[in-house]
């Protein structure tokens, strides 16, 4: 169970797996990298990175009954988790950085359909925008790679 008060919570589509995060994201961005595109079949994904100690699965144990995982063949230090029932991916763990990533679409919603904790979760930039599949006209900064660690494309 979670040791700290969760700031963000989420689940897969069928709610068989769920999680909580007890810290603010280290990074929150729209990712346009080709790996995210291929792994999600989407032009981009809202990704949030956290220290692994802030992340906890909150569904009943044993976790292996509900969770399936995929070790990235191109980056074997990255493991992606998805629900065995509905197939939705909700998190990944980078063992090199000991960070967990979650995706904004899996966050809990209120009765109006808005993300609970949006002020904490909302993206601050677009990353890997050079490999975008569509142009996004918003006020967020666009980066060639990771925010502040690559060329700004604006």
Foldseek 3Di string as FASTA:
>chain_A
DAPADFLWKFADPVRQKIKGFHDFFPAWAWEQDPVQCVVVVDLTFTKTKDQLSRMDIDHDDPPVVFWDWDQDPVQNQKIWIATPPPGDTAWMARNVRNMMMGTPVGIDADPVRHHRNCVRRPHQAYACCVNGPDDDDDDHWYFNHDPPPGDTPD
